[in-house]
Amino acid sequence: MNAPADLPRTRAEISSYRETSTHDDVLRFIDELVARTDLVRRTTLGRSGEGRDMAALVLSDGACFTPEQARAEGRLIVMIEANIHAGEVEGKESVLALARDLTLGGLGKKILSRLCLVVVPNFNPDGNDRINPNNRRLDLANLEGQVNPEGGVGTRYTGEGWNLNRDAVKQEAVETRNLARFFNEWWPHVFIDCHTTDGSLHAFDLTFDTSHSNQRLFRRLQKRTRTLLEEVSDNVERRHGFKSTWYGNFVVEDDPTSGWATYPALPRFGSHYRGLLGRIDVLLETYSYIDFRRRCDVMYAWLIELLRYCSRNASGLARAVEQEEKRTVRRGEKLDPRPRVVVNSGVARREEGGALRFDYPAYALGGDRIRILSFDRESLSARRYPGGQRVEYRVPHMRTFIPTVRVATPSAYLAPPSLAEALERHGIAFEALAEETEFDVESYVILDIEKTHSPDVAALVPPPGSAEIPLSAKPPPRRFETVLSVRPERRRVKLPAGTLLVRTAQRAGTLAIYLLEPHSDDGFTRWEFLDTLLRVGELYPVHRLLDAPPPPRVKQE
């Protein structure tokens, strides 16, 4: 990842990896690339919270620079997002270099003839430009931070304090809303999300993962994605010399035999959100404790090998995703109660003082095991990296989630008008009732309402020039969630004109179920969208329609 001097170069390359690109650096690089090749177009997601242009690149052999052209050409659409956490900058530097090498460097002739590649190099531009050497400062005692470039990096959060990778459902950040609109316009088959991770001590350069949401419902696509990731991992090691494995951390840090566990299957995380939409999602996490140059190089290697795989298998991948979309629509049409949608995988507990908290445990299904290359026990206990001796441990692979609440797919939901804007942002189609109408529905009686806090979804924004607060310092929570206890019952209800009819026979049908159920661990109720309408002893304001919905009587919103 070092270009000749006559080609555009990233700030990382120019500075010999002592610095990362500012947002202005990113825009200058993009504009120079666009000026020098007709294989690239610049577009935008919109403006960030502080008014910066959220620029994107579309790369093609010339046949498709819009979603409409890509679909007309039958291209596999691949979207890459980088810098969602702007202290994790390797993806930003790598995707810019990759765009250059695919076009001016001649690397992408075959790739760009089969794919339409959409790149968002700096998804969090406001956090990116809050560069400070003490952001993500290395702290091995707490298994936190990273080996920074000398010039420092940006912040995990946006300039307004939002964690964008906990915002996919609630969409409080304008950046998230911009991406949702952009995503729904392009509707990519494959989405690649670039991160950097700290955590448990191991000897891999990068860990990878995919969606774990509704593992039974989406088992065909998730199996296909796992095959993709393992083949690409092999290619990266064979061709580039980097070792990779599935994302995770030891359950007990000083005991590697305790198991290797992935993160919660909540759609507030972008990967699980896109999995609910039946799209192929790839999560890449370079390893914080290796040096910055190596992190950039391993990210670049993974991106190019992923694109090569997608290029070779373009028609099969597109077909797999399109079949998944058809299955989603059919579930809303058939009214078969057997394929159930998981809407909660959490386990509630009480802390001292009675506060309600949730855990989201993962399990090793059927003796699922993984080989983790790490270090001797003494090195792990002493928090030494690299450790004194490399050791391979064969341990339980905890990547399966056991549902605590599952529901059958109704034909539609009947929802209050106040949810119209939120549904629209998620790309969920709905109609408004033209007149007061009676329905036989399944409703929920509200038995109890409680609050729980949301960790790591928002942060206090440090003053300009100051470093952000590390997670180990336990910054106070700034966001809370609503938790309902409910009882289902059948009844006949009369609903006013303007009530929203949300059919599940649509491409976002599974997402609609997850968002609208009252006991969902990551739906509209949890994120306080309905708080003003909730009363203990009264009906939950969203109803399940089990019979075939009436034909549309008004124009679709």
Protein backbone atom coordinates (compact mmCIF):
# COMPACT_ATOMS: atom_id res chain seq x y z
CA MET A 1 0.00 0.00 0.00
CA ASN A 2 2.45 2.61 -1.28
CA ALA A 3 1.83 4.28 -4.62
CA PRO A 4 4.35 5.82 -7.02
CA ALA A 5 4.81 9.56 -6.57
CA ASP A 6 2.98 10.34 -9.83
CA LEU A 7 -0.29 8.86 -8.52
CA PRO A 8 -2.56 10.29 -5.81
CA ARG A 9 -1.35 9.21 -2.38
CA THR A 10 -3.08 9.12 0.97
CA ARG A 11 -1.92 11.13 3.96
CA ALA A 12 -0.78 7.86 5.56
CA GLU A 13 1.41 7.07 2.54
CA ILE A 14 2.82 10.57 2.24
CA SER A 15 3.75 10.67 5.94
CA SER A 16 5.20 7.14 6.01
CA TYR A 17 2.26 6.14 8.23
CA ARG A 18 2.93 8.71 10.92
CA GLU A 19 -0.38 10.50 10.23
CA THR A 20 -3.91 9.76 9.11
CA SER A 21 -6.01 11.72 6.61
CA THR A 22 -8.14 14.68 7.63
CA HIS A 23 -11.49 15.01 5.93
CA ASP A 24 -10.05 17.66 3.60
CA ASP A 25 -7.29 15.20 2.69
CA VAL A 26 -9.96 12.64 1.81
CA LEU A 27 -11.87 15.08 -0.41
CA ARG A 28 -8.69 16.23 -2.19
CA PHE A 29 -7.74 12.62 -2.88
CA ILE A 30 -11.22 11.86 -4.23
CA ASP A 31 -11.26 14.91 -6.49
CA GLU A 32 -7.81 14.17 -7.89
CA LEU A 33 -8.86 10.61 -8.62
CA VAL A 34 -12.06 11.73 -10.35
CA ALA A 35 -10.09 14.25 -12.43
CA ARG A 36 -7.68 11.56 -13.66
CA THR A 37 -9.98 8.67 -14.55
CA ASP A 38 -13.45 8.17 -15.97
CA LEU A 39 -13.83 4.97 -13.94
CA VAL A 40 -14.81 6.95 -10.82
CA ARG A 41 -17.68 9.26 -9.95
CA ARG A 42 -18.06 11.31 -6.79
CA THR A 43 -21.42 11.36 -5.06
CA THR A 44 -22.63 12.16 -1.55
CA LEU A 45 -24.69 10.76 1.31
CA GLY A 46 -25.47 14.27 2.52
CA ARG A 47 -24.04 16.50 5.27
CA SER A 48 -22.68 15.43 8.65
CA GLY A 49 -23.87 16.85 11.96
CA GLU A 50 -21.27 19.63 11.68
CA GLY A 51 -21.94 20.26 8.00
CA ARG A 52 -19.18 18.28 6.27
CA ASP A 53 -19.85 16.58 2.95
CA MET A 54 -20.17 12.82 3.43
CA ALA A 55 -18.59 12.02 0.09
CA ALA A 56 -18.76 8.63 -1.60
CA LEU A 57 -17.14 7.11 -4.67
CA VAL A 58 -18.72 4.89 -7.31
CA LEU A 59 -16.29 2.73 -9.28
CA SER A 60 -17.27 0.99 -12.52
CA ASP A 61 -15.94 0.13 -15.94
CA GLY A 62 -18.20 2.92 -17.18
CA ALA A 63 -21.51 1.08 -17.40
CA CYS A 64 -23.05 1.85 -14.01
CA PHE A 65 -22.64 4.90 -11.83
CA THR A 66 -26.20 5.00 -10.46
CA PRO A 67 -28.33 2.39 -8.70
CA GLU A 68 -30.63 2.27 -11.72
CA GLN A 69 -27.75 1.63 -14.12
CA ALA A 70 -26.29 -1.04 -11.84
CA ARG A 71 -29.58 -2.92 -11.67
CA ALA A 72 -30.18 -2.57 -15.41
CA GLU A 73 -26.73 -4.06 -16.05
CA GLY A 74 -27.39 -6.89 -13.60
CA ARG A 75 -24.25 -6.00 -11.62
CA LEU A 76 -23.44 -7.25 -8.18
CA ILE A 77 -23.44 -4.10 -6.02
CA VAL A 78 -20.76 -4.04 -3.31
CA MET A 79 -20.68 -1.19 -0.78
CA ILE A 80 -17.71 -0.51 1.54
CA GLU A 81 -18.07 1.71 4.60
CA ALA A 82 -14.99 2.94 6.50
CA ASN A 83 -14.33 5.13 9.55
CA ILE A 84 -17.67 4.63 11.28
CA HIS A 85 -15.54 4.90 14.44
CA ALA A 86 -13.12 7.64 13.51
CA GLY A 87 -10.36 6.39 15.78
CA GLU A 88 -10.28 3.27 13.61
CA VAL A 89 -8.79 4.80 10.51
CA GLU A 90 -7.22 1.88 8.63
CA GLY A 91 -10.28 1.31 6.49
CA LYS A 92 -10.35 4.98 5.46
CA GLU A 93 -6.73 4.89 4.27
CA SER A 94 -7.11 1.47 2.62
CA VAL A 95 -10.26 2.12 0.61
CA LEU A 96 -8.78 5.30 -0.86
CA ALA A 97 -5.62 3.47 -1.91
CA LEU A 98 -7.71 0.61 -3.24
CA ALA A 99 -9.89 2.97 -5.34
CA ARG A 100 -6.71 4.41 -6.86
CA ASP A 101 -5.18 1.01 -7.58
CA LEU A 102 -8.38 -0.39 -9.09
CA THR A 103 -8.55 2.52 -11.54
CA LEU A 104 -5.27 4.34 -12.19
CA GLY A 105 -3.20 1.33 -11.15
CA GLY A 106 -5.01 -1.05 -13.49
CA LEU A 107 -5.73 -3.56 -10.73
CA GLY A 108 -9.47 -3.63 -11.26
CA LYS A 109 -10.11 -4.39 -14.94
CA LYS A 110 -11.92 -7.69 -14.29
CA ILE A 111 -13.38 -6.59 -10.99
CA LEU A 112 -14.94 -3.40 -12.32
CA SER A 113 -16.40 -5.21 -15.32
CA ARG A 114 -18.45 -7.46 -13.01
CA LEU A 115 -19.16 -5.30 -9.98
CA CYS A 116 -20.49 -1.88 -9.20
CA LEU A 117 -18.37 -0.74 -6.25
CA VAL A 118 -19.67 2.00 -3.92
CA VAL A 119 -17.20 3.33 -1.33
CA VAL A 120 -17.88 5.55 1.70
CA PRO A 121 -14.31 6.30 2.87
CA ASN A 122 -15.05 8.62 5.80
CA PHE A 123 -18.46 7.90 7.27
CA ASN A 124 -17.71 9.88 10.46
CA PRO A 125 -15.98 13.05 9.18
CA ASP A 126 -16.67 15.11 12.31
CA GLY A 127 -15.14 12.54 14.64
CA ASN A 128 -12.30 12.06 12.17
CA ASP A 129 -11.13 15.66 12.42
CA ARG A 130 -10.98 15.61 16.24
CA ILE A 131 -7.52 14.10 15.89
CA ASN A 132 -5.51 13.71 19.09
CA PRO A 133 -2.54 11.42 19.94
CA ASN A 134 -4.31 10.40 23.15
CA ASN A 135 -7.48 9.12 21.47
CA ARG A 136 -7.54 5.31 21.76
CA ARG A 137 -4.29 5.46 23.69
CA LEU A 138 -2.80 2.00 24.22
CA ASP A 139 -3.67 0.56 27.65
CA LEU A 140 -2.90 -3.17 27.73
CA ALA A 141 -3.71 -3.41 31.43
CA ASN A 142 -7.35 -2.76 30.48
CA LEU A 143 -7.00 -4.47 27.04
CA GLU A 144 -7.91 -1.17 25.44
CA GLY A 145 -6.60 1.26 22.85
CA GLN A 146 -4.14 0.76 20.02
CA VAL A 147 -0.69 1.47 18.63
CA ASN A 148 -1.43 4.92 17.21
CA PRO A 149 0.26 6.74 14.37
CA GLU A 150 2.38 9.53 15.84
CA GLY A 151 -0.03 12.24 14.74
CA GLY A 152 -2.98 10.58 16.47
CA VAL A 153 -6.47 9.60 15.32
CA GLY A 154 -10.03 10.85 15.60
CA THR A 155 -12.76 9.88 18.06
CA ARG A 156 -15.02 6.87 18.39
CA TYR A 157 -18.08 9.13 18.43
CA THR A 158 -19.39 11.85 16.14
CA GLY A 159 -18.99 15.54 16.86
CA GLU A 160 -22.45 15.40 18.47
CA GLY A 161 -21.45 12.42 20.61
CA TRP A 162 -23.21 9.51 18.84
CA ASN A 163 -21.77 6.03 18.44
CA LEU A 164 -22.75 5.33 14.84
CA ASN A 165 -22.34 1.58 15.23
CA ARG A 166 -25.06 1.50 17.89
CA ASP A 167 -27.42 3.73 15.93
CA ALA A 168 -28.75 1.60 13.08
CA VAL A 169 -32.19 1.17 14.66
CA LYS A 170 -32.81 4.46 16.48
CA GLN A 171 -31.08 6.59 13.81
CA GLU A 172 -30.53 9.59 16.08
CA ALA A 173 -27.42 10.71 14.21
CA VAL A 174 -27.86 12.50 10.90
CA GLU A 175 -24.97 10.40 9.57
CA THR A 176 -26.95 7.21 10.22
CA ARG A 177 -30.03 8.63 8.54
CA ASN A 178 -27.95 9.65 5.54
CA LEU A 179 -26.46 6.16 5.22
CA ALA A 180 -29.89 4.51 5.55
CA ARG A 181 -31.25 6.60 2.69
CA PHE A 182 -28.14 5.94 0.58
CA PHE A 183 -28.23 2.20 1.37
CA ASN A 184 -31.90 1.89 0.42
CA GLU A 185 -31.29 3.69 -2.86
CA TRP A 186 -28.39 1.42 -3.81
CA TRP A 187 -29.69 -1.73 -2.00
CA PRO A 188 -26.28 -3.45 -2.22
CA HIS A 189 -25.97 -7.22 -2.34
CA VAL A 190 -22.76 -7.14 -0.27
CA PHE A 191 -21.79 -4.65 2.43
CA ILE A 192 -18.29 -4.46 3.96
CA ASP A 193 -17.78 -2.58 7.24
CA CYS A 194 -14.20 -1.62 8.26
CA HIS A 195 -13.21 -1.42 11.95
CA THR A 196 -10.27 -1.86 14.33
CA THR A 197 -10.61 -3.87 17.53
CA ASP A 198 -8.80 -4.15 20.83
CA GLY A 199 -9.70 -6.73 23.49
CA SER A 200 -8.31 -10.21 24.11
CA LEU A 201 -4.66 -10.97 23.39
CA HIS A 202 -4.16 -13.17 20.33
CA ALA A 203 -1.77 -13.54 17.40
CA PHE A 204 -4.00 -12.67 14.43
CA ASP A 205 -3.73 -9.56 12.25
CA LEU A 206 -7.48 -9.26 11.65
CA THR A 207 -10.71 -10.83 12.81
CA PHE A 208 -13.85 -11.05 10.67
CA ASP A 209 -17.53 -11.77 11.17
CA THR A 210 -20.98 -11.54 9.64
CA SER A 211 -24.56 -11.11 10.83
CA HIS A 212 -25.81 -13.45 13.55
CA SER A 213 -29.34 -12.08 13.52
CA ASN A 214 -32.12 -14.68 13.17
CA GLN A 215 -29.67 -17.46 12.45
CA ARG A 216 -32.30 -20.07 11.65
CA LEU A 217 -34.41 -17.83 9.43
CA PHE A 218 -31.39 -16.64 7.37
CA ARG A 219 -29.35 -19.84 7.67
CA ARG A 220 -28.88 -20.31 3.91
CA LEU A 221 -27.39 -16.87 3.35
CA GLN A 222 -25.34 -16.95 6.55
CA LYS A 223 -23.88 -20.33 5.60
CA ARG A 224 -22.92 -18.94 2.20
CA THR A 225 -21.31 -15.89 3.83
CA ARG A 226 -19.31 -18.05 6.24
CA THR A 227 -17.95 -20.02 3.30
CA LEU A 228 -17.02 -16.75 1.57
CA LEU A 229 -15.19 -15.44 4.64
CA GLU A 230 -13.22 -18.61 5.29
CA GLU A 231 -12.10 -18.85 1.66
CA VAL A 232 -11.04 -15.20 1.60
CA SER A 233 -9.20 -15.67 4.91
CA ASP A 234 -7.23 -18.53 3.36
CA ASN A 235 -6.43 -16.41 0.29
CA VAL A 236 -5.26 -13.48 2.42
CA GLU A 237 -2.85 -15.72 4.33
CA ARG A 238 -1.58 -17.54 1.24
CA ARG A 239 -1.13 -14.46 -0.96
CA HIS A 240 -0.33 -11.74 1.59
CA GLY A 241 0.95 -13.53 4.70
CA PHE A 242 -1.62 -12.18 7.19
CA LYS A 243 -3.37 -14.44 9.70
CA SER A 244 -7.08 -13.98 10.38
CA THR A 245 -9.89 -15.67 12.26
CA TRP A 246 -13.48 -15.13 13.37
CA TYR A 247 -14.12 -12.05 15.52
CA GLY A 248 -14.37 -12.59 19.25
CA ASN A 249 -12.88 -12.33 22.71
CA PHE A 250 -12.10 -14.87 25.41
CA VAL A 251 -15.01 -15.25 27.81
CA VAL A 252 -12.53 -15.13 30.69
CA GLU A 253 -9.46 -13.15 29.67
CA ASP A 254 -6.87 -15.19 31.59
CA ASP A 255 -8.45 -18.51 30.57
CA PRO A 256 -8.46 -19.06 26.80
CA THR A 257 -10.21 -22.43 27.24
CA SER A 258 -13.28 -20.52 28.52
CA GLY A 259 -14.35 -19.99 24.91
CA TRP A 260 -14.22 -17.48 22.07
CA ALA A 261 -17.40 -15.36 22.02
CA THR A 262 -18.77 -12.94 19.44
CA TYR A 263 -20.76 -9.76 20.17
CA PRO A 264 -24.56 -9.47 20.78
CA ALA A 265 -26.92 -10.11 17.88
CA LEU A 266 -28.63 -6.72 18.23
CA PRO A 267 -29.50 -4.81 15.04
CA ARG A 268 -28.27 -1.55 16.59
CA PHE A 269 -24.96 -2.92 15.26
CA GLY A 270 -24.88 -2.29 11.51
CA SER A 271 -23.86 -5.83 10.60
CA HIS A 272 -26.85 -7.44 12.32
CA TYR A 273 -29.17 -4.74 10.98
CA ARG A 274 -28.18 -5.49 7.40
CA GLY A 275 -28.49 -9.20 8.12
CA LEU A 276 -32.15 -8.63 9.04
CA LEU A 277 -32.58 -7.21 5.54
CA GLY A 278 -31.24 -10.43 4.03
CA ARG A 279 -28.07 -8.85 2.62
CA ILE A 280 -24.54 -10.30 2.77
CA ASP A 281 -22.63 -8.41 5.44
CA VAL A 282 -18.90 -8.56 6.17
CA LEU A 283 -17.34 -7.12 9.34
CA LEU A 284 -13.56 -6.54 9.26
CA GLU A 285 -11.65 -5.73 12.46
CA THR A 286 -7.91 -5.08 12.17
CA TYR A 287 -6.05 -5.74 15.42
CA SER A 288 -5.26 -2.72 17.59
CA TYR A 289 -2.00 -4.05 19.04
CA ILE A 290 -0.14 -4.42 15.74
CA ASP A 291 1.39 -1.28 14.24
CA PHE A 292 -0.54 1.20 12.11
CA ARG A 293 1.22 0.35 8.83
CA ARG A 294 0.49 -3.36 9.27
CA ARG A 295 -3.14 -2.63 10.10
CA CYS A 296 -3.50 -0.66 6.86
CA ASP A 297 -1.81 -3.42 4.89
CA VAL A 298 -3.96 -6.25 6.25
CA MET A 299 -7.13 -4.24 5.68
CA TYR A 300 -6.07 -3.56 2.09
CA ALA A 301 -5.31 -7.26 1.56
CA TRP A 302 -8.73 -8.28 2.83
CA LEU A 303 -10.55 -5.72 0.71
CA ILE A 304 -8.86 -6.71 -2.52
CA GLU A 305 -9.38 -10.42 -1.87
CA LEU A 306 -13.04 -9.85 -0.99
CA LEU A 307 -13.53 -7.97 -4.26
CA ARG A 308 -11.78 -10.72 -6.20
CA TYR A 309 -14.05 -13.31 -4.61
CA CYS A 310 -17.15 -11.21 -5.31
CA SER A 311 -16.04 -10.73 -8.90
CA ARG A 312 -15.51 -14.46 -9.48
CA ASN A 313 -18.82 -15.36 -7.83
CA ALA A 314 -20.91 -12.33 -8.76
CA SER A 315 -23.91 -14.12 -10.29
CA GLY A 316 -24.13 -16.72 -7.51
CA LEU A 317 -23.92 -14.12 -4.75
CA ALA A 318 -26.55 -11.92 -6.39
CA ARG A 319 -28.83 -14.91 -6.84
CA ALA A 320 -28.44 -15.97 -3.18
CA VAL A 321 -29.36 -12.49 -1.92
CA GLU A 322 -32.29 -12.13 -4.31
CA GLN A 323 -33.65 -15.53 -3.25
CA GLU A 324 -33.44 -14.43 0.38
CA GLU A 325 -35.46 -11.34 -0.46
CA LYS A 326 -38.13 -13.51 -2.11
CA ARG A 327 -38.31 -15.73 0.97
CA THR A 328 -38.85 -12.64 3.14
CA VAL A 329 -41.75 -11.47 0.95
CA ARG A 330 -43.29 -14.98 0.85
CA ARG A 331 -43.37 -15.19 4.65
CA GLY A 332 -45.64 -12.15 4.67
CA GLU A 333 -47.87 -13.63 1.98
CA LYS A 334 -48.28 -17.21 3.21
CA LEU A 335 -49.29 -16.54 6.84
CA ASP A 336 -47.50 -19.70 7.96
CA PRO A 337 -46.89 -19.51 11.75
CA ARG A 338 -44.01 -22.01 11.72
CA PRO A 339 -41.02 -19.89 10.55
CA ARG A 340 -40.72 -17.67 13.60
CA VAL A 341 -38.81 -14.40 13.81
CA VAL A 342 -36.47 -13.94 16.80
CA VAL A 343 -37.08 -10.52 18.34
CA ASN A 344 -35.20 -10.97 21.62
CA SER A 345 -32.10 -12.92 22.66
CA GLY A 346 -31.44 -11.10 25.93
CA VAL A 347 -31.37 -12.40 29.49
CA ALA A 348 -32.63 -9.96 32.13
CA ARG A 349 -30.98 -9.61 35.54
CA ARG A 350 -31.16 -7.29 38.53
CA GLU A 351 -28.18 -5.37 39.80
CA GLU A 352 -27.77 -4.20 43.39
CA GLY A 353 -30.42 -1.62 44.00
CA GLY A 354 -32.82 -3.36 41.61
CA ALA A 355 -31.68 -1.80 38.32
CA LEU A 356 -32.69 -3.85 35.28
CA ARG A 357 -29.82 -4.98 33.06
CA PHE A 358 -29.51 -7.34 30.13
CA ASP A 359 -26.90 -9.82 28.94
CA TYR A 360 -26.82 -11.31 25.45
CA PRO A 361 -24.98 -14.62 25.83
CA ALA A 362 -23.68 -16.57 22.85
CA TYR A 363 -23.30 -20.35 22.83
CA ALA A 364 -21.24 -23.00 21.05
CA LEU A 365 -23.90 -24.87 19.07
CA GLY A 366 -23.36 -28.61 18.72
CA GLY A 367 -19.82 -28.50 20.07
CA ASP A 368 -18.76 -25.73 17.67
CA ARG A 369 -15.03 -25.16 18.23
CA ILE A 370 -12.35 -22.83 16.88
CA ARG A 371 -8.55 -22.73 16.88
CA ILE A 372 -7.24 -19.51 18.43
CA LEU A 373 -3.58 -18.62 18.04
CA SER A 374 -2.61 -16.74 21.19
CA PHE A 375 0.13 -16.79 23.85
CA ASP A 376 1.14 -18.69 26.97
CA ARG A 377 -0.95 -18.28 30.12
CA GLU A 378 1.68 -16.21 31.90
CA SER A 379 1.73 -13.64 29.07
CA LEU A 380 -2.07 -13.44 29.08
CA SER A 381 -2.20 -12.86 32.83
CA ALA A 382 0.54 -10.20 32.63
CA ARG A 383 -1.18 -8.50 29.66
CA ARG A 384 1.97 -8.72 27.53
CA TYR A 385 1.76 -8.21 23.77
CA PRO A 386 3.33 -9.85 21.99
CA GLY A 387 3.50 -12.68 24.50
CA GLY A 388 6.54 -14.78 25.25
CA GLN A 389 5.40 -17.94 23.48
CA ARG A 390 2.72 -18.57 20.89
CA VAL A 391 0.20 -21.24 21.80
CA GLU A 392 -2.75 -22.57 19.80
CA TYR A 393 -5.89 -23.23 21.84
CA ARG A 394 -8.87 -25.24 20.56
CA VAL A 395 -11.85 -23.75 22.36
CA PRO A 396 -15.68 -23.48 22.18
CA HIS A 397 -16.78 -21.04 19.47
CA MET A 398 -19.64 -19.09 20.95
CA ARG A 399 -21.46 -17.55 17.99
CA THR A 400 -25.01 -18.92 18.30
CA PHE A 401 -27.79 -17.02 20.07
CA ILE A 402 -30.73 -18.69 21.83
CA PRO A 403 -33.97 -16.72 21.41
CA THR A 404 -35.96 -15.68 24.45
CA VAL A 405 -38.86 -14.32 22.35
CA ARG A 406 -39.96 -15.47 18.88
CA VAL A 407 -43.06 -14.45 16.94
CA ALA A 408 -44.90 -15.67 13.87
CA THR A 409 -45.06 -13.35 10.88
CA PRO A 410 -48.40 -11.51 10.70
CA SER A 411 -49.79 -10.30 7.41
CA ALA A 412 -49.38 -6.70 8.60
CA TYR A 413 -49.08 -4.36 11.56
CA LEU A 414 -51.42 -1.51 12.40
CA ALA A 415 -49.34 1.31 13.86
CA PRO A 416 -49.89 4.90 15.04
CA PRO A 417 -49.18 7.73 12.57
CA SER A 418 -46.34 8.98 14.78
CA LEU A 419 -44.16 6.11 13.46
CA ALA A 420 -44.46 7.17 9.80
CA GLU A 421 -41.19 9.09 9.63
CA ALA A 422 -39.21 6.36 11.40
CA LEU A 423 -40.61 3.63 9.14
CA GLU A 424 -39.84 5.68 6.07
CA ARG A 425 -36.24 6.20 7.18
CA HIS A 426 -35.81 2.43 7.42
CA GLY A 427 -37.15 1.92 3.91
CA ILE A 428 -40.31 0.19 5.20
CA ALA A 429 -43.37 0.72 2.99
CA PHE A 430 -46.76 1.47 4.55
CA GLU A 431 -50.23 2.80 3.76
CA ALA A 432 -52.47 5.12 5.77
CA LEU A 433 -56.07 4.07 6.42
CA ALA A 434 -58.44 6.36 4.54
CA GLU A 435 -61.22 5.99 7.12
CA GLU A 436 -61.95 4.54 10.53
CA THR A 437 -61.89 0.75 10.23
CA GLU A 438 -62.49 -2.28 12.47
CA PHE A 439 -60.07 -5.22 12.50
CA ASP A 440 -59.74 -8.57 14.23
CA VAL A 441 -56.20 -8.42 15.59
CA GLU A 442 -53.74 -9.84 18.03
CA SER A 443 -52.97 -7.12 20.56
CA TYR A 444 -50.77 -6.87 23.64
CA VAL A 445 -51.84 -5.73 27.08
CA ILE A 446 -49.05 -3.79 28.83
CA LEU A 447 -48.28 -5.38 32.21
CA ASP A 448 -45.22 -3.36 33.25
CA ILE A 449 -42.90 -0.59 32.02
CA GLU A 450 -39.26 -0.25 33.16
CA LYS A 451 -36.13 1.58 32.09
CA THR A 452 -32.62 0.25 31.50
CA HIS A 453 -29.50 2.16 30.48
CA SER A 454 -27.73 1.81 27.13
CA PRO A 455 -23.95 1.43 27.39
CA ASP A 456 -21.69 2.94 24.72
CA VAL A 457 -24.34 4.52 22.51
CA ALA A 458 -23.50 8.16 23.20
CA ALA A 459 -20.68 10.08 24.84
CA LEU A 460 -19.77 13.45 26.23
CA VAL A 461 -18.02 15.37 23.47
CA PRO A 462 -14.57 16.53 24.65
CA PRO A 463 -13.57 20.17 24.06
CA PRO A 464 -11.59 20.79 20.87
CA GLY A 465 -8.02 19.60 21.33
CA SER A 466 -8.89 17.24 24.20
CA ALA A 467 -8.90 13.44 24.09
CA GLU A 468 -12.08 11.38 24.40
CA ILE A 469 -12.88 9.43 27.57
CA PRO A 470 -11.86 5.75 27.25
CA LEU A 471 -14.53 3.11 27.87
CA SER A 472 -12.57 1.70 30.80
CA ALA A 473 -13.16 5.02 32.61
CA LYS A 474 -16.87 4.12 32.59
CA PRO A 475 -18.33 7.39 31.33
CA PRO A 476 -21.88 7.91 32.63
CA PRO A 477 -24.71 6.63 30.40
CA ARG A 478 -26.49 9.26 28.36
CA ARG A 479 -29.19 7.08 26.77
CA PHE A 480 -31.89 4.84 28.22
CA GLU A 481 -34.24 2.20 26.87
CA THR A 482 -37.85 1.24 27.62
CA VAL A 483 -38.61 -2.38 28.51
CA LEU A 484 -42.19 -3.71 28.43
CA SER A 485 -43.79 -6.80 29.90
CA VAL A 486 -46.86 -7.72 27.83
CA ARG A 487 -49.58 -10.36 27.42
CA PRO A 488 -51.01 -11.16 23.95
CA GLU A 489 -54.73 -11.44 23.39
CA ARG A 490 -57.13 -11.55 20.44
CA ARG A 491 -59.70 -8.77 20.12
CA ARG A 492 -61.57 -6.55 17.69
CA VAL A 493 -60.36 -2.98 17.52
CA LYS A 494 -61.60 0.15 15.78
CA LEU A 495 -58.71 2.24 14.47
CA PRO A 496 -58.94 5.82 13.19
CA ALA A 497 -58.16 7.15 9.73
CA GLY A 498 -54.46 7.77 9.34
CA THR A 499 -53.46 4.55 11.14
CA LEU A 500 -50.51 2.98 9.32
CA LEU A 501 -50.91 -0.42 7.67
CA VAL A 502 -47.45 -2.00 7.43
CA ARG A 503 -47.48 -5.14 5.28
CA THR A 504 -44.80 -7.74 5.99
CA ALA A 505 -44.71 -8.95 2.38
CA GLN A 506 -41.96 -6.51 1.44
CA ARG A 507 -38.18 -6.61 1.23
CA ALA A 508 -37.82 -5.07 4.70
CA GLY A 509 -40.57 -7.26 6.18
CA THR A 510 -38.39 -9.03 8.77
CA LEU A 511 -36.95 -5.70 9.91
CA ALA A 512 -40.50 -4.33 10.28
CA ILE A 513 -41.37 -7.21 12.63
CA TYR A 514 -38.26 -6.60 14.74
CA LEU A 515 -38.97 -2.88 15.02
CA LEU A 516 -42.70 -3.10 15.81
CA GLU A 517 -42.94 -5.93 18.35
CA PRO A 518 -43.23 -4.63 21.95
CA HIS A 519 -40.80 -7.17 23.46
CA SER A 520 -38.13 -6.68 20.81
CA ASP A 521 -34.69 -6.15 22.35
CA ASP A 522 -33.88 -3.46 19.78
CA GLY A 523 -37.12 -2.10 18.35
CA PHE A 524 -39.04 1.14 18.38
CA THR A 525 -40.39 0.48 21.87
CA ARG A 526 -36.91 -0.09 23.32
CA TRP A 527 -35.70 3.20 21.86
CA GLU A 528 -38.55 5.24 23.38
CA PHE A 529 -40.38 6.00 20.11
CA LEU A 530 -43.71 5.09 21.73
CA ASP A 531 -43.22 6.22 25.35
CA THR A 532 -45.98 8.85 25.28
CA LEU A 533 -48.51 6.19 24.17
CA LEU A 534 -47.68 3.53 26.76
CA ARG A 535 -49.81 2.94 29.88
CA VAL A 536 -49.80 -0.08 32.20
CA GLY A 537 -53.07 -1.99 31.81
CA GLU A 538 -53.80 -0.54 28.38
CA LEU A 539 -53.17 -1.92 24.90
CA TYR A 540 -49.84 -1.60 23.17
CA PRO A 541 -50.48 0.88 20.33
CA VAL A 542 -49.28 -1.46 17.55
CA HIS A 543 -51.52 -4.41 16.58
CA ARG A 544 -50.83 -7.59 14.63
CA LEU A 545 -53.15 -8.33 11.71
CA LEU A 546 -53.25 -12.09 11.17
CA ASP A 547 -55.74 -12.26 8.28
CA ALA A 548 -55.04 -11.03 4.78
CA PRO A 549 -54.81 -7.23 4.86
CA PRO A 550 -57.28 -5.14 2.88
CA PRO A 551 -56.21 -3.91 -0.54
CA PRO A 552 -54.66 -0.44 -0.58
CA ARG A 553 -57.31 2.27 -0.61
CA VAL A 554 -55.02 5.26 -0.58
CA LYS A 555 -51.79 6.04 -2.32
CA GLN A 556 -48.74 4.38 -0.79
CA GLU A 557 -46.69 6.73 1.41
